[in-house]
N, C-alpha and C. Protein backbone atom coordinates (compact mmCIF):
# COMPACT_ATOMS: atom_id res chain seq x y z
N MET A 1 0.85 -1.18 0.00
CA MET A 1 0.00 0.00 0.00
C MET A 1 0.88 1.24 0.00
N SER A 2 0.59 2.16 -0.86
CA SER A 2 1.36 3.39 -0.98
C SER A 2 1.02 4.34 0.17
N ARG A 3 2.04 5.01 0.69
CA ARG A 3 1.85 5.98 1.76
C ARG A 3 2.01 7.41 1.24
N ALA A 4 1.89 7.59 -0.04
CA ALA A 4 2.12 8.89 -0.67
C ALA A 4 1.11 9.95 -0.22
N HIS A 5 -0.10 9.54 0.09
CA HIS A 5 -1.14 10.52 0.44
C HIS A 5 -1.52 10.47 1.92
N VAL A 6 -0.66 9.88 2.74
CA VAL A 6 -0.90 9.82 4.18
C VAL A 6 -0.16 10.97 4.83
N ARG A 7 -0.86 11.74 5.60
CA ARG A 7 -0.26 12.89 6.26
C ARG A 7 0.49 12.44 7.51
N GLU A 8 1.73 12.81 7.60
CA GLU A 8 2.54 12.50 8.76
C GLU A 8 2.34 13.58 9.81
N VAL A 9 2.26 13.19 11.06
CA VAL A 9 2.15 14.15 12.15
C VAL A 9 3.56 14.44 12.63
N ASP A 10 3.95 15.71 12.61
CA ASP A 10 5.32 16.06 12.98
C ASP A 10 5.43 16.67 14.38
N GLY A 11 4.37 16.64 15.14
CA GLY A 11 4.42 17.17 16.50
C GLY A 11 4.05 18.63 16.59
N ASP A 12 3.91 19.32 15.45
CA ASP A 12 3.56 20.74 15.47
C ASP A 12 2.05 20.96 15.50
N GLU A 13 1.29 19.92 15.28
CA GLU A 13 -0.16 20.06 15.25
C GLU A 13 -0.71 20.07 16.68
N PRO A 14 -1.76 20.86 16.94
CA PRO A 14 -2.37 20.83 18.27
C PRO A 14 -3.04 19.48 18.50
N GLU A 15 -2.99 19.05 19.73
CA GLU A 15 -3.66 17.80 20.07
C GLU A 15 -5.15 17.98 19.91
N ASP A 16 -5.82 16.89 19.52
CA ASP A 16 -7.28 16.94 19.44
C ASP A 16 -7.82 17.04 20.85
N LEU A 17 -8.51 18.12 21.12
CA LEU A 17 -9.09 18.32 22.44
C LEU A 17 -10.49 17.73 22.46
N PRO A 18 -10.84 17.02 23.50
CA PRO A 18 -12.22 16.53 23.58
C PRO A 18 -13.16 17.72 23.75
N GLU A 19 -14.35 17.58 23.23
CA GLU A 19 -15.34 18.65 23.36
C GLU A 19 -15.71 18.83 24.84
N LEU A 20 -16.02 20.04 25.22
CA LEU A 20 -16.49 20.31 26.58
C LEU A 20 -17.88 19.69 26.71
N PRO A 21 -18.15 19.05 27.83
CA PRO A 21 -19.45 18.38 27.97
C PRO A 21 -20.60 19.37 28.08
N LEU A 22 -21.70 19.01 27.45
CA LEU A 22 -22.93 19.79 27.54
C LEU A 22 -23.87 19.09 28.51
N SER A 23 -24.55 19.86 29.31
CA SER A 23 -25.48 19.31 30.29
C SER A 23 -26.66 18.63 29.59
N PRO A 24 -27.15 17.54 30.17
CA PRO A 24 -28.33 16.90 29.60
C PRO A 24 -29.63 17.62 29.97
N HIS A 25 -29.54 18.60 30.88
CA HIS A 25 -30.72 19.33 31.37
C HIS A 25 -31.06 20.50 30.44
N PRO A 26 -32.31 20.94 30.45
CA PRO A 26 -32.64 22.17 29.71
C PRO A 26 -31.76 23.31 30.23
N ASN A 27 -31.39 24.22 29.36
CA ASN A 27 -30.51 25.32 29.75
C ASN A 27 -31.33 26.54 30.16
N TYR A 28 -31.99 26.45 31.32
CA TYR A 28 -32.72 27.59 31.85
C TYR A 28 -31.70 28.63 32.30
N VAL A 29 -31.96 29.89 31.97
CA VAL A 29 -31.05 30.96 32.34
C VAL A 29 -31.84 32.17 32.83
N THR A 30 -31.20 32.93 33.71
CA THR A 30 -31.72 34.23 34.09
C THR A 30 -31.19 35.22 33.06
N ALA A 31 -31.73 36.42 33.04
CA ALA A 31 -31.22 37.45 32.12
C ALA A 31 -29.74 37.71 32.40
N ARG A 32 -29.38 37.72 33.67
CA ARG A 32 -27.98 37.93 34.06
C ARG A 32 -27.10 36.79 33.57
N GLY A 33 -27.58 35.57 33.68
CA GLY A 33 -26.82 34.40 33.23
C GLY A 33 -26.62 34.39 31.72
N LEU A 34 -27.66 34.75 30.97
CA LEU A 34 -27.55 34.81 29.52
C LEU A 34 -26.58 35.90 29.10
N ALA A 35 -26.64 37.05 29.75
CA ALA A 35 -25.72 38.15 29.44
C ALA A 35 -24.27 37.73 29.71
N ALA A 36 -24.05 36.98 30.78
CA ALA A 36 -22.70 36.52 31.10
C ALA A 36 -22.18 35.56 30.03
N LEU A 37 -23.03 34.66 29.54
CA LEU A 37 -22.63 33.74 28.46
C LEU A 37 -22.28 34.53 27.19
N GLN A 38 -23.11 35.51 26.86
CA GLN A 38 -22.87 36.31 25.66
C GLN A 38 -21.60 37.14 25.77
N THR A 39 -21.34 37.69 26.95
CA THR A 39 -20.13 38.47 27.18
C THR A 39 -18.89 37.57 27.05
N ARG A 40 -18.97 36.38 27.62
CA ARG A 40 -17.84 35.44 27.52
C ARG A 40 -17.61 35.04 26.07
N ARG A 41 -18.68 34.82 25.31
CA ARG A 41 -18.54 34.49 23.88
C ARG A 41 -17.81 35.62 23.16
N GLU A 42 -18.18 36.87 23.43
CA GLU A 42 -17.54 38.02 22.79
C GLU A 42 -16.07 38.11 23.17
N GLN A 43 -15.75 37.80 24.43
CA GLN A 43 -14.35 37.82 24.87
C GLN A 43 -13.53 36.76 24.14
N ILE A 44 -14.10 35.57 24.00
CA ILE A 44 -13.39 34.49 23.31
C ILE A 44 -13.19 34.86 21.84
N GLU A 45 -14.22 35.41 21.19
CA GLU A 45 -14.09 35.82 19.80
C GLU A 45 -13.00 36.88 19.63
N ALA A 46 -12.91 37.81 20.57
CA ALA A 46 -11.87 38.84 20.52
C ALA A 46 -10.49 38.22 20.73
N ASP A 47 -10.39 37.27 21.65
CA ASP A 47 -9.11 36.58 21.89
C ASP A 47 -8.67 35.82 20.64
N ILE A 48 -9.60 35.15 19.99
CA ILE A 48 -9.28 34.39 18.78
C ILE A 48 -8.76 35.32 17.69
N ALA A 49 -9.36 36.49 17.57
CA ALA A 49 -8.97 37.44 16.52
C ALA A 49 -7.54 37.95 16.71
N THR A 50 -7.01 37.87 17.91
CA THR A 50 -5.66 38.39 18.17
C THR A 50 -4.58 37.33 18.05
N ILE A 51 -4.94 36.07 17.84
CA ILE A 51 -3.96 34.99 17.79
C ILE A 51 -3.49 34.76 16.36
N ALA A 52 -2.18 34.76 16.19
CA ALA A 52 -1.61 34.40 14.89
C ALA A 52 -1.48 32.88 14.86
N ASP A 53 -1.62 32.30 13.67
CA ASP A 53 -1.59 30.84 13.56
C ASP A 53 -0.21 30.27 13.24
N ASP A 54 0.87 31.00 13.53
CA ASP A 54 2.16 30.51 13.09
C ASP A 54 2.86 29.57 14.07
N ALA A 55 2.82 29.79 15.33
CA ALA A 55 3.54 28.95 16.29
C ALA A 55 2.65 27.86 16.87
N ALA A 56 3.28 26.72 17.21
CA ALA A 56 2.52 25.58 17.73
C ALA A 56 1.76 25.92 19.00
N ASP A 57 2.40 26.69 19.91
CA ASP A 57 1.71 27.02 21.16
C ASP A 57 0.51 27.92 20.88
N ARG A 58 0.61 28.75 19.86
CA ARG A 58 -0.53 29.59 19.50
C ARG A 58 -1.64 28.75 18.88
N ARG A 59 -1.27 27.73 18.10
CA ARG A 59 -2.29 26.85 17.52
C ARG A 59 -3.00 26.08 18.62
N GLN A 60 -2.25 25.67 19.64
CA GLN A 60 -2.89 24.96 20.76
C GLN A 60 -3.84 25.90 21.50
N ARG A 61 -3.41 27.13 21.72
CA ARG A 61 -4.28 28.11 22.39
C ARG A 61 -5.52 28.35 21.54
N ARG A 62 -5.34 28.47 20.22
CA ARG A 62 -6.47 28.69 19.31
C ARG A 62 -7.44 27.51 19.36
N ALA A 63 -6.89 26.29 19.40
CA ALA A 63 -7.75 25.10 19.46
C ALA A 63 -8.58 25.11 20.74
N ALA A 64 -7.96 25.50 21.86
CA ALA A 64 -8.69 25.56 23.14
C ALA A 64 -9.77 26.64 23.09
N LEU A 65 -9.45 27.79 22.52
CA LEU A 65 -10.44 28.87 22.41
C LEU A 65 -11.58 28.48 21.48
N ASP A 66 -11.23 27.84 20.34
CA ASP A 66 -12.27 27.38 19.41
C ASP A 66 -13.22 26.40 20.09
N ARG A 67 -12.65 25.50 20.91
CA ARG A 67 -13.47 24.53 21.62
C ARG A 67 -14.42 25.24 22.59
N GLU A 68 -13.89 26.20 23.36
CA GLU A 68 -14.74 26.93 24.30
C GLU A 68 -15.81 27.73 23.57
N LEU A 69 -15.45 28.30 22.42
CA LEU A 69 -16.42 29.06 21.64
C LEU A 69 -17.55 28.16 21.14
N ARG A 70 -17.22 26.95 20.69
CA ARG A 70 -18.28 26.01 20.26
C ARG A 70 -19.21 25.70 21.42
N TRP A 71 -18.63 25.49 22.62
CA TRP A 71 -19.43 25.18 23.81
C TRP A 71 -20.35 26.37 24.14
N LEU A 72 -19.79 27.58 24.14
CA LEU A 72 -20.59 28.76 24.46
C LEU A 72 -21.72 28.96 23.45
N LYS A 73 -21.43 28.79 22.17
CA LYS A 73 -22.47 28.93 21.16
C LYS A 73 -23.59 27.91 21.36
N ALA A 74 -23.22 26.68 21.72
CA ALA A 74 -24.24 25.65 21.98
C ALA A 74 -25.07 26.00 23.20
N ARG A 75 -24.43 26.49 24.27
CA ARG A 75 -25.16 26.87 25.49
C ARG A 75 -26.10 28.04 25.22
N ILE A 76 -25.63 29.02 24.45
CA ILE A 76 -26.47 30.18 24.14
C ILE A 76 -27.63 29.77 23.24
N ALA A 77 -27.36 28.92 22.26
CA ALA A 77 -28.42 28.46 21.36
C ALA A 77 -29.49 27.67 22.11
N ALA A 78 -29.08 26.95 23.14
CA ALA A 78 -30.02 26.13 23.91
C ALA A 78 -30.66 26.90 25.07
N ALA A 79 -30.23 28.13 25.30
CA ALA A 79 -30.72 28.90 26.45
C ALA A 79 -32.22 29.14 26.38
N GLN A 80 -32.86 28.95 27.52
CA GLN A 80 -34.29 29.23 27.68
C GLN A 80 -34.42 30.26 28.79
N LEU A 81 -34.61 31.51 28.38
CA LEU A 81 -34.68 32.61 29.33
C LEU A 81 -35.95 32.48 30.18
N VAL A 82 -35.77 32.46 31.49
CA VAL A 82 -36.89 32.40 32.42
C VAL A 82 -37.07 33.82 32.95
N ALA A 83 -38.19 34.41 32.61
CA ALA A 83 -38.45 35.80 32.99
C ALA A 83 -38.50 35.95 34.49
N GLY A 84 -37.91 37.01 34.96
CA GLY A 84 -37.95 37.32 36.39
C GLY A 84 -39.01 38.37 36.63
N GLY A 85 -38.79 39.18 37.62
CA GLY A 85 -39.69 40.30 37.85
C GLY A 85 -40.84 39.97 38.78
N ALA A 86 -41.96 40.58 38.50
CA ALA A 86 -43.13 40.51 39.38
C ALA A 86 -43.75 39.12 39.35
N ARG A 87 -43.31 38.27 40.25
CA ARG A 87 -43.86 36.93 40.39
C ARG A 87 -44.44 36.79 41.79
N SER A 88 -45.31 35.87 41.92
CA SER A 88 -45.87 35.58 43.24
C SER A 88 -44.78 34.96 44.10
N THR A 89 -44.68 35.45 45.31
CA THR A 89 -43.69 34.90 46.24
C THR A 89 -44.28 33.77 47.07
N ALA A 90 -45.41 33.25 46.62
CA ALA A 90 -46.06 32.17 47.36
C ALA A 90 -45.26 30.87 47.32
N LYS A 91 -44.61 30.59 46.20
CA LYS A 91 -43.86 29.35 46.05
C LYS A 91 -42.50 29.62 45.43
N ILE A 92 -41.59 28.72 45.73
CA ILE A 92 -40.23 28.81 45.20
C ILE A 92 -40.18 28.21 43.80
N ALA A 93 -39.55 28.97 42.89
CA ALA A 93 -39.35 28.52 41.52
C ALA A 93 -38.00 29.04 41.04
N PHE A 94 -37.66 28.73 39.80
CA PHE A 94 -36.42 29.20 39.20
C PHE A 94 -36.34 30.72 39.32
N GLY A 95 -35.18 31.23 39.70
CA GLY A 95 -34.97 32.67 39.83
C GLY A 95 -35.25 33.20 41.22
N ALA A 96 -35.85 32.40 42.08
CA ALA A 96 -36.18 32.86 43.43
C ALA A 96 -34.93 33.05 44.27
N GLU A 97 -35.00 34.06 45.12
CA GLU A 97 -33.99 34.24 46.16
C GLU A 97 -34.66 33.75 47.44
N VAL A 98 -34.08 32.72 48.03
CA VAL A 98 -34.71 32.03 49.16
C VAL A 98 -33.84 32.19 50.40
N THR A 99 -34.46 32.60 51.49
CA THR A 99 -33.75 32.67 52.76
C THR A 99 -34.24 31.51 53.61
N VAL A 100 -33.28 30.76 54.13
CA VAL A 100 -33.59 29.59 54.95
C VAL A 100 -32.84 29.68 56.28
N VAL A 101 -33.34 28.95 57.23
CA VAL A 101 -32.65 28.82 58.51
C VAL A 101 -32.45 27.32 58.76
N ASP A 102 -31.24 26.95 59.18
CA ASP A 102 -30.94 25.52 59.37
C ASP A 102 -31.18 25.09 60.81
N GLU A 103 -30.82 23.85 61.10
CA GLU A 103 -31.06 23.26 62.42
C GLU A 103 -30.30 23.97 63.54
N ASP A 104 -29.21 24.68 63.18
CA ASP A 104 -28.41 25.42 64.17
C ASP A 104 -28.86 26.87 64.28
N ASN A 105 -29.99 27.19 63.65
CA ASN A 105 -30.56 28.53 63.63
C ASN A 105 -29.68 29.52 62.85
N SER A 106 -28.85 29.00 61.94
CA SER A 106 -28.05 29.85 61.06
C SER A 106 -28.87 30.17 59.82
N GLU A 107 -28.79 31.43 59.39
CA GLU A 107 -29.58 31.89 58.26
C GLU A 107 -28.71 31.96 57.00
N PHE A 108 -29.27 31.50 55.89
CA PHE A 108 -28.57 31.51 54.60
C PHE A 108 -29.52 32.00 53.52
N ARG A 109 -28.95 32.68 52.50
CA ARG A 109 -29.74 33.15 51.37
C ARG A 109 -29.15 32.56 50.09
N TYR A 110 -30.02 31.97 49.28
CA TYR A 110 -29.61 31.37 48.01
C TYR A 110 -30.51 31.89 46.91
N ARG A 111 -29.94 32.00 45.72
CA ARG A 111 -30.74 32.33 44.54
C ARG A 111 -30.65 31.15 43.59
N ILE A 112 -31.77 30.69 43.08
CA ILE A 112 -31.82 29.54 42.18
C ILE A 112 -31.65 30.05 40.75
N VAL A 113 -30.55 29.62 40.11
CA VAL A 113 -30.16 30.14 38.79
C VAL A 113 -29.84 28.97 37.86
N GLY A 114 -29.44 29.31 36.64
CA GLY A 114 -29.03 28.29 35.67
C GLY A 114 -27.70 27.67 36.01
N GLU A 115 -27.43 26.53 35.39
CA GLU A 115 -26.19 25.79 35.68
C GLU A 115 -24.93 26.61 35.42
N ASP A 116 -24.92 27.40 34.36
CA ASP A 116 -23.73 28.16 34.00
C ASP A 116 -23.51 29.37 34.90
N GLU A 117 -24.53 29.81 35.57
CA GLU A 117 -24.44 30.98 36.44
C GLU A 117 -24.16 30.60 37.89
N ALA A 118 -24.29 29.34 38.21
CA ALA A 118 -24.15 28.88 39.60
C ALA A 118 -22.78 29.22 40.17
N ASP A 119 -22.80 29.68 41.40
CA ASP A 119 -21.60 29.98 42.18
C ASP A 119 -22.00 29.85 43.65
N PRO A 120 -21.95 28.61 44.18
CA PRO A 120 -22.45 28.38 45.54
C PRO A 120 -21.84 29.29 46.60
N GLU A 121 -20.55 29.63 46.46
CA GLU A 121 -19.92 30.51 47.45
C GLU A 121 -20.54 31.90 47.45
N ALA A 122 -21.12 32.30 46.31
CA ALA A 122 -21.78 33.60 46.21
C ALA A 122 -23.29 33.47 46.46
N GLY A 123 -23.75 32.28 46.84
CA GLY A 123 -25.17 32.08 47.12
C GLY A 123 -26.01 31.80 45.87
N LEU A 124 -25.36 31.53 44.74
CA LEU A 124 -26.07 31.21 43.50
C LEU A 124 -26.01 29.71 43.28
N ILE A 125 -27.17 29.05 43.37
CA ILE A 125 -27.19 27.59 43.23
C ILE A 125 -27.96 27.19 41.98
N SER A 126 -27.45 26.16 41.32
CA SER A 126 -28.08 25.66 40.11
C SER A 126 -29.43 25.04 40.43
N TRP A 127 -30.36 25.22 39.52
CA TRP A 127 -31.70 24.64 39.70
C TRP A 127 -31.62 23.12 39.73
N THR A 128 -30.51 22.53 39.27
CA THR A 128 -30.37 21.07 39.28
C THR A 128 -29.68 20.56 40.54
N SER A 129 -29.25 21.47 41.42
CA SER A 129 -28.55 21.06 42.64
C SER A 129 -29.52 20.40 43.62
N PRO A 130 -28.99 19.56 44.51
CA PRO A 130 -29.87 18.91 45.50
C PRO A 130 -30.65 19.91 46.36
N LEU A 131 -30.01 21.00 46.75
CA LEU A 131 -30.72 21.99 47.58
C LEU A 131 -31.85 22.64 46.80
N ALA A 132 -31.57 23.09 45.59
CA ALA A 132 -32.62 23.73 44.78
C ALA A 132 -33.77 22.77 44.53
N ARG A 133 -33.45 21.52 44.20
CA ARG A 133 -34.52 20.55 43.96
C ARG A 133 -35.36 20.34 45.22
N ALA A 134 -34.73 20.43 46.40
CA ALA A 134 -35.47 20.27 47.65
C ALA A 134 -36.35 21.49 47.93
N LEU A 135 -35.94 22.66 47.44
CA LEU A 135 -36.68 23.90 47.73
C LEU A 135 -37.80 24.21 46.74
N ILE A 136 -37.59 23.88 45.46
CA ILE A 136 -38.56 24.27 44.43
C ILE A 136 -39.95 23.70 44.74
N GLY A 137 -40.94 24.59 44.69
CA GLY A 137 -42.33 24.21 44.95
C GLY A 137 -42.78 24.45 46.38
N LEU A 138 -41.82 24.73 47.27
CA LEU A 138 -42.19 24.96 48.68
C LEU A 138 -42.55 26.43 48.90
N LYS A 139 -43.08 26.70 50.10
CA LYS A 139 -43.49 28.07 50.45
C LYS A 139 -42.93 28.42 51.83
N ILE A 140 -43.10 29.67 52.21
CA ILE A 140 -42.61 30.13 53.51
C ILE A 140 -43.23 29.27 54.62
N GLY A 141 -42.38 28.86 55.55
CA GLY A 141 -42.81 28.02 56.67
C GLY A 141 -42.59 26.54 56.42
N ASP A 142 -42.41 26.13 55.17
CA ASP A 142 -42.16 24.71 54.86
C ASP A 142 -40.74 24.33 55.27
N ILE A 143 -40.57 23.05 55.52
CA ILE A 143 -39.27 22.47 55.85
C ILE A 143 -38.80 21.66 54.65
N ALA A 144 -37.57 21.93 54.22
CA ALA A 144 -36.98 21.16 53.12
C ALA A 144 -35.89 20.27 53.70
N VAL A 145 -35.79 19.07 53.19
CA VAL A 145 -34.70 18.17 53.57
C VAL A 145 -33.66 18.25 52.47
N TRP A 146 -32.50 18.78 52.84
CA TRP A 146 -31.40 18.99 51.91
C TRP A 146 -30.46 17.79 51.98
N PRO A 147 -30.48 16.93 50.96
CA PRO A 147 -29.58 15.77 50.98
C PRO A 147 -28.14 16.20 50.69
N ARG A 148 -27.25 15.94 51.65
CA ARG A 148 -25.84 16.33 51.50
C ARG A 148 -24.96 15.11 51.75
N PRO A 149 -23.74 15.11 51.23
CA PRO A 149 -22.83 14.00 51.51
C PRO A 149 -22.56 13.84 53.00
N ALA A 150 -22.57 14.94 53.75
CA ALA A 150 -22.32 14.87 55.19
C ALA A 150 -23.56 14.46 55.97
N GLY A 151 -24.66 14.23 55.28
CA GLY A 151 -25.91 13.87 55.93
C GLY A 151 -26.99 14.88 55.64
N ASP A 152 -28.21 14.44 55.71
CA ASP A 152 -29.35 15.32 55.42
C ASP A 152 -29.42 16.47 56.42
N CYS A 153 -29.87 17.60 55.93
CA CYS A 153 -30.02 18.78 56.77
C CYS A 153 -31.41 19.36 56.51
N GLU A 154 -32.13 19.66 57.56
CA GLU A 154 -33.43 20.29 57.41
C GLU A 154 -33.27 21.79 57.45
N VAL A 155 -33.92 22.48 56.51
CA VAL A 155 -33.91 23.93 56.48
C VAL A 155 -35.34 24.42 56.37
N GLU A 156 -35.65 25.50 57.09
CA GLU A 156 -36.98 26.09 57.03
C GLU A 156 -36.93 27.33 56.15
N ILE A 157 -37.89 27.45 55.26
CA ILE A 157 -37.97 28.60 54.37
C ILE A 157 -38.58 29.76 55.16
N ILE A 158 -37.83 30.89 55.24
CA ILE A 158 -38.36 32.04 55.99
C ILE A 158 -38.63 33.25 55.09
N ALA A 159 -38.12 33.23 53.85
CA ALA A 159 -38.42 34.34 52.92
C ALA A 159 -38.22 33.88 51.49
N ILE A 160 -39.04 34.43 50.61
CA ILE A 160 -38.94 34.18 49.17
C ILE A 160 -39.07 35.53 48.46
N ALA A 161 -38.15 35.80 47.56
CA ALA A 161 -38.21 37.02 46.76
C ALA A 161 -37.78 36.71 45.34
N TYR A 162 -38.19 37.55 44.43
CA TYR A 162 -37.78 37.42 43.03
C TYR A 162 -37.14 38.73 42.62
N PRO A 163 -35.79 38.80 42.67
CA PRO A 163 -35.10 40.04 42.32
C PRO A 163 -35.39 40.47 40.88
N ALA A 164 -35.43 41.75 40.65
CA ALA A 164 -35.69 42.28 39.31
C ALA A 164 -34.51 42.04 38.40
């Protein structure tokens, strides 16, 4: 068999990067979350425009940026904006800011947001998280059982708000 038309890899080519995983869940987003995805897409596009394709390290950087850009475009295309604003505070739903008190009488505030916007340390929890799933549909005065690796924790809902 002739090898005349087989391309040899000389080590200068960027490694094939696996695609970034996409969530199997619907991509519910807040207006803030969608804006953050769009801003990140614009930043990546600007970064790509400044990269020259001559050096191997630049090609690898370009490949990584191209991969992230494909992921961002897919997330934005799949985004389902959940309107905020004037909602009934009777029950917890996506976008709610929920204040709870735990068994030690410590108070915590969480906002239920999309997966890409989640930042638990900042009080932003994904709607797919165990805590959010335990809270959604409940009302003030209800007790939620939060399943955690360290053991279940009961939290009482003491306030529900929907930030503008």
